[in-house]
Amino acid sequence: MERLPHVAGRTYPPGVPSWVDTEQPDVDAAIRFYGGLFGWEFEEALAPGAGGRYAVATLNGQEAGAVGGPRNGPAAWNTYVAVDDADAAVRHLVSLGASLQLPPAESGAGGARAVLTDPEGAGFRLWQAGARPCAQAVNVPGGWNFSDLHTADITAATGFYAAAFGWQFDNLDYGTMIRRPGYGDHLEATVDPDIRARQAGDFTPAGFEDAVAWVMPADPREPAHWHVSFTVADRDQTADLAERLGATVLQRFDTDWTRSARIRDPWGAEFTASQFTPPSG
């Protein structure tokens, strides 16, 4: 697919997760829920009569994600990985065992997307950026934090994604970190010149500047999937607000670095609200 014209903004090199959206059966209700929960404002990206809705969420003027639909069946959150050429990427991924669900198609001037599942059945998407370089509100309260791959076969998953996107995997005590080598250099040169100085210290894992996602063991009761986490200022306040807005808080849990809550929205889409609480020392 011909490369689309690009605009300025936070950019994502190939192989880096770059966007999240949720497909919902009731777009208006989902807009009210996520707007109330994260303070998002929305702008319709599709013209009337386009056969569906796609409302791009902004946080303090920066794009944070989107709500689309209507979807038949339970709602879900989706994670997109940046690519330079969606057609070439699809051919490569299919050759590695991925299954193509929707072929590359342009989404107006914004970019082009494709929908696939990995060999373990986890769905993911590709994004070839055009006028929409992807998520700008990241790692701030109300913004996207990370996406995690939940799978029962971590060995098979790491083999596939290493070949698919050049990812490297570091098994840490609290999870497996996915790194895209060179991403820290890209961030340092574009939007975050102090990234290495800020992350320096005994408590930060080596290579964290290149971190793009995590791998977690899947619950035996659930299929392999990509799970989305959002940064929040206060885990408990966010979880309590989500319940008042009609969601179900499935779990509250703490790690050495976070206080988090796994939440199911009123239509079935699950996500995590994560408060950053790094160790001191």
Protein backbone atom coordinates (compact mmCIF):
# COMPACT_ATOMS: atom_id res chain seq x y z
CA MET A 1 0.00 0.00 0.00
CA GLU A 2 1.40 3.43 -0.92
CA ARG A 3 2.63 5.36 2.10
CA LEU A 4 0.07 7.97 3.14
CA PRO A 5 0.96 11.63 3.78
CA HIS A 6 2.11 12.22 7.34
CA VAL A 7 1.64 15.08 9.78
CA ALA A 8 3.61 16.25 12.79
CA GLY A 9 3.03 14.78 16.23
CA ARG A 10 4.25 11.96 18.42
CA THR A 11 5.27 9.26 15.97
CA TYR A 12 5.74 5.53 16.26
CA PRO A 13 8.41 3.53 14.43
CA PRO A 14 7.39 0.26 12.77
CA GLY A 15 6.78 -2.49 15.29
CA VAL A 16 5.63 -0.23 18.13
CA PRO A 17 2.04 -0.40 19.44
CA SER A 18 0.58 2.96 18.48
CA TRP A 19 -3.20 3.15 18.94
CA VAL A 20 -6.13 1.68 20.85
CA ASP A 21 -9.84 1.75 20.21
CA THR A 22 -12.95 -0.01 21.43
CA GLU A 23 -15.83 -1.37 19.38
CA GLN A 24 -19.13 -0.99 21.16
CA PRO A 25 -22.77 -1.96 20.56
CA ASP A 26 -23.97 1.45 21.81
CA VAL A 27 -21.52 4.14 20.72
CA ASP A 28 -23.32 7.04 22.41
CA ALA A 29 -23.50 5.24 25.74
CA ALA A 30 -19.83 4.25 25.53
CA ILE A 31 -18.87 7.84 24.77
CA ARG A 32 -20.69 8.96 27.91
CA PHE A 33 -19.03 6.24 29.99
CA TYR A 34 -15.43 6.83 28.87
CA GLY A 35 -15.86 10.58 28.74
CA GLY A 36 -17.06 10.52 32.33
CA LEU A 37 -14.35 8.12 33.46
CA PHE A 38 -11.25 9.59 31.78
CA GLY A 39 -12.33 13.14 30.94
CA TRP A 40 -12.24 12.45 27.21
CA GLU A 41 -13.89 14.63 24.61
CA PHE A 42 -14.92 13.18 21.26
CA GLU A 43 -14.94 14.14 17.60
CA GLU A 44 -16.68 12.11 14.93
CA ALA A 45 -14.18 10.89 12.32
CA LEU A 46 -16.68 9.38 9.85
CA ALA A 47 -19.14 11.29 7.73
CA PRO A 48 -22.87 10.70 8.29
CA GLY A 49 -24.07 7.74 6.25
CA ALA A 50 -20.68 6.00 6.36
CA GLY A 51 -22.28 2.86 7.76
CA GLY A 52 -20.90 3.17 11.26
CA ARG A 53 -19.43 5.51 13.85
CA TYR A 54 -15.85 6.25 14.84
CA ALA A 55 -15.45 8.87 17.54
CA VAL A 56 -11.85 9.89 18.29
CA ALA A 57 -11.24 10.68 21.95
CA THR A 58 -9.05 13.60 22.97
CA LEU A 59 -7.56 14.48 26.35
CA ASN A 60 -6.48 18.09 26.77
CA GLY A 61 -6.52 18.40 22.99
CA GLN A 62 -4.41 15.30 22.34
CA GLU A 63 -5.75 12.13 20.76
CA ALA A 64 -6.09 9.29 23.27
CA GLY A 65 -8.05 6.51 21.52
CA ALA A 66 -11.43 5.99 19.92
CA VAL A 67 -14.88 4.47 20.26
CA GLY A 68 -16.37 2.79 17.21
CA GLY A 69 -19.40 0.74 16.30
CA PRO A 70 -22.07 -0.36 16.40
CA ARG A 71 -20.65 -3.83 17.12
CA ASN A 72 -22.69 -7.00 17.20
CA GLY A 73 -21.71 -8.95 20.30
CA PRO A 74 -19.65 -8.08 23.36
CA ALA A 75 -17.54 -4.94 23.27
CA ALA A 76 -13.75 -5.17 23.16
CA TRP A 77 -10.60 -3.04 23.25
CA ASN A 78 -8.16 -3.33 20.33
CA THR A 79 -4.42 -2.66 20.08
CA TYR A 80 -2.74 -1.48 16.86
CA VAL A 81 0.92 -1.91 15.90
CA ALA A 82 2.58 0.68 13.65
CA VAL A 83 3.84 -0.43 10.25
CA ASP A 84 5.30 1.41 7.26
CA ASP A 85 3.48 -0.69 4.66
CA ALA A 86 0.32 -2.52 5.69
CA ASP A 87 0.24 -4.77 2.62
CA ALA A 88 3.83 -5.95 3.08
CA ALA A 89 3.33 -6.39 6.82
CA VAL A 90 0.24 -8.55 6.28
CA ARG A 91 2.10 -10.80 3.84
CA HIS A 92 4.93 -11.21 6.34
CA LEU A 93 2.64 -11.92 9.29
CA VAL A 94 0.53 -14.44 7.39
CA SER A 95 3.72 -16.24 6.36
CA LEU A 96 4.51 -16.61 10.09
CA GLY A 97 1.15 -18.17 10.88
CA ALA A 98 -1.11 -15.18 11.58
CA SER A 99 -4.68 -15.23 10.25
CA LEU A 100 -5.99 -12.27 8.27
CA GLN A 101 -9.44 -11.11 9.40
CA LEU A 102 -9.73 -7.86 7.42
CA PRO A 103 -7.27 -6.89 4.66
CA PRO A 104 -5.55 -3.50 4.59
CA ALA A 105 -7.96 -0.65 3.87
CA GLU A 106 -7.56 3.08 4.06
CA SER A 107 -9.46 4.93 6.77
CA GLY A 108 -9.78 8.20 4.91
CA ALA A 109 -6.67 10.36 5.15
CA GLY A 110 -6.01 9.13 8.68
CA GLY A 111 -4.18 5.97 7.67
CA ALA A 112 -4.71 2.35 6.75
CA ARG A 113 -5.53 -0.57 9.03
CA ALA A 114 -5.63 -4.35 8.88
CA VAL A 115 -7.04 -6.87 11.36
CA LEU A 116 -5.32 -10.18 12.21
CA THR A 117 -5.09 -12.86 14.86
CA ASP A 118 -1.82 -14.38 15.99
CA PRO A 119 -1.26 -18.18 15.93
CA GLU A 120 -2.57 -18.48 19.52
CA GLY A 121 -5.80 -16.64 18.61
CA ALA A 122 -5.09 -13.19 20.05
CA GLY A 123 -6.48 -10.44 17.85
CA PHE A 124 -4.36 -7.41 16.96
CA ARG A 125 -4.38 -4.71 14.33
CA LEU A 126 -1.92 -2.86 12.13
CA TRP A 127 -1.84 0.87 11.54
CA GLN A 128 -0.04 2.56 8.65
CA ALA A 129 -0.15 6.19 9.73
CA GLY A 130 -1.27 8.95 7.43
CA ALA A 131 -2.76 12.17 8.78
CA ARG A 132 -3.34 10.48 12.15
CA PRO A 133 0.04 9.49 13.65
CA CYS A 134 -1.79 7.76 16.51
CA ALA A 135 -1.97 8.14 20.28
CA GLN A 136 -0.61 11.44 21.58
CA ALA A 137 -2.00 11.39 25.14
CA VAL A 138 0.07 8.59 26.66
CA ASN A 139 1.38 7.86 30.17
CA VAL A 140 -0.67 10.70 31.67
CA PRO A 141 -3.82 10.33 33.79
CA GLY A 142 -6.62 9.39 31.40
CA GLY A 143 -4.20 8.33 28.67
CA TRP A 144 -3.08 4.98 27.30
CA ASN A 145 -0.28 3.37 29.29
CA PHE A 146 0.58 -0.07 27.85
CA SER A 147 -0.99 -3.04 26.15
CA ASP A 148 -0.32 -6.53 27.49
CA LEU A 149 -0.44 -9.82 25.62
CA HIS A 150 -2.20 -12.46 27.72
CA THR A 151 -1.39 -15.95 26.46
CA ALA A 152 -1.10 -19.48 27.82
CA ASP A 153 1.85 -20.30 25.53
CA ILE A 154 4.42 -17.59 26.18
CA THR A 155 7.15 -19.47 24.33
CA ALA A 156 5.10 -19.70 21.13
CA ALA A 157 3.98 -16.07 21.43
CA THR A 158 7.50 -14.74 21.88
CA GLY A 159 8.68 -16.72 18.87
CA PHE A 160 5.92 -15.33 16.67
CA TYR A 161 6.20 -11.68 17.72
CA ALA A 162 10.01 -11.67 17.63
CA ALA A 163 9.84 -12.72 13.98
CA ALA A 164 6.83 -10.49 13.28
CA PHE A 165 8.06 -7.14 14.63
CA GLY A 166 11.64 -7.63 15.80
CA TRP A 167 10.59 -7.59 19.44
CA GLN A 168 12.86 -8.78 22.23
CA PHE A 169 11.60 -10.26 25.51
CA ASP A 170 13.02 -9.84 29.01
CA ASN A 171 11.68 -12.15 31.71
CA LEU A 172 11.50 -10.07 34.90
CA ASP A 173 10.21 -11.10 38.31
CA TYR A 174 6.82 -9.46 37.73
CA GLY A 175 6.27 -10.11 34.02
CA THR A 176 7.89 -10.34 30.61
CA MET A 177 8.83 -6.97 29.14
CA ILE A 178 8.62 -6.54 25.37
CA ARG A 179 11.21 -4.23 23.87
CA ARG A 180 11.52 -2.79 20.36
CA PRO A 181 15.25 -2.05 20.07
CA GLY A 182 15.84 1.55 19.08
CA TYR A 183 12.52 2.89 20.36
CA GLY A 184 14.26 4.73 23.21
CA ASP A 185 16.53 6.41 20.67
CA HIS A 186 13.45 7.49 18.71
CA LEU A 187 11.77 8.93 21.81
CA GLU A 188 14.95 10.71 22.87
CA ALA A 189 15.31 12.30 19.45
CA THR A 190 11.67 13.34 19.03
CA VAL A 191 9.53 13.92 22.12
CA ASP A 192 11.44 12.92 25.26
CA PRO A 193 15.09 14.06 25.31
CA ASP A 194 15.42 13.29 29.04
CA ILE A 195 14.03 9.73 28.92
CA ARG A 196 17.26 7.96 29.86
CA ALA A 197 18.18 10.38 32.64
CA ARG A 198 14.67 10.19 34.08
CA GLN A 199 14.64 6.40 34.04
CA ALA A 200 18.15 5.95 35.40
CA GLY A 201 18.29 4.19 38.75
CA ASP A 202 18.56 0.88 40.47
CA PHE A 203 14.81 0.20 40.31
CA THR A 204 14.34 0.65 36.55
CA PRO A 205 14.90 -2.51 34.48
CA ALA A 206 17.66 -2.35 31.88
CA GLY A 207 16.32 -1.43 28.46
CA PHE A 208 13.09 0.07 29.80
CA GLU A 209 13.40 3.00 27.39
CA ASP A 210 12.70 0.50 24.59
CA ALA A 211 9.68 -1.09 26.33
CA VAL A 212 6.56 -1.21 24.16
CA ALA A 213 4.34 -3.87 25.82
CA TRP A 214 4.26 -6.78 28.28
CA VAL A 215 3.43 -10.49 28.19
CA MET A 216 1.36 -12.04 30.97
CA PRO A 217 0.21 -15.63 31.56
CA ALA A 218 -3.42 -15.92 30.48
CA ASP A 219 -6.10 -16.97 32.91
CA PRO A 220 -6.94 -20.58 31.93
CA ARG A 221 -10.59 -19.56 31.61
CA GLU A 222 -9.94 -16.92 28.93
CA PRO A 223 -8.55 -17.07 25.38
CA ALA A 224 -5.33 -15.37 24.35
CA HIS A 225 -5.87 -11.65 23.83
CA TRP A 226 -4.34 -8.19 23.94
CA HIS A 227 -5.36 -6.22 27.03
CA VAL A 228 -5.25 -2.41 27.35
CA SER A 229 -4.15 -0.39 30.40
CA PHE A 230 -4.75 3.30 31.05
CA THR A 231 -2.84 5.58 33.42
CA VAL A 232 -4.86 7.08 36.26
CA ALA A 233 -3.97 9.43 39.09
CA ASP A 234 -5.75 7.37 41.76
CA ARG A 235 -6.67 3.70 41.30
CA ASP A 236 -9.41 3.61 43.92
CA GLN A 237 -11.08 6.84 42.85
CA THR A 238 -11.14 5.62 39.24
CA ALA A 239 -12.48 2.19 40.20
CA ASP A 240 -15.19 3.71 42.38
CA LEU A 241 -16.19 6.12 39.61
CA ALA A 242 -16.30 3.28 37.09
CA GLU A 243 -18.74 1.41 39.33
CA ARG A 244 -20.96 4.48 39.64
CA LEU A 245 -20.98 4.74 35.84
CA GLY A 246 -22.18 1.13 35.53
CA ALA A 247 -18.94 -0.85 35.17
CA THR A 248 -17.83 -3.87 37.19
CA VAL A 249 -14.53 -3.82 39.05
CA LEU A 250 -13.20 -7.35 38.64
CA GLN A 251 -10.03 -7.02 40.70
CA ARG A 252 -7.88 -4.52 42.55
CA PHE A 253 -4.22 -5.48 42.82
CA ASP A 254 -0.85 -3.98 43.70
CA THR A 255 2.65 -4.57 42.33
CA ASP A 256 6.00 -3.05 43.20
CA TRP A 257 5.33 -0.36 40.60
CA THR A 258 1.56 0.09 40.37
CA ARG A 259 -1.82 0.06 42.06
CA SER A 260 -4.26 -1.23 39.48
CA ALA A 261 -7.86 -2.27 38.91
CA ARG A 262 -9.19 -4.54 36.20
CA ILE A 263 -12.54 -3.19 35.04
CA ARG A 264 -15.28 -4.48 32.74
CA ASP A 265 -17.30 -1.71 31.13
CA PRO A 266 -21.11 -2.01 30.95
CA TRP A 267 -20.92 -3.73 27.53
CA GLY A 268 -18.21 -6.29 28.29
CA ALA A 269 -14.94 -4.63 27.26
CA GLU A 270 -12.21 -5.14 29.87
CA PHE A 271 -9.32 -2.80 30.59
CA THR A 272 -6.99 -1.91 33.46
CA ALA A 273 -6.70 1.41 35.30
CA SER A 274 -3.11 1.72 36.55
CA GLN A 275 -1.69 4.18 39.09
CA PHE A 276 2.10 4.47 38.90
CA THR A 277 3.66 3.96 42.35
CA PRO A 278 7.39 3.35 41.79
CA PRO A 279 9.58 2.05 44.58
CA SER A 280 11.60 4.63 46.46
CA GLY A 281 15.11 4.21 47.55
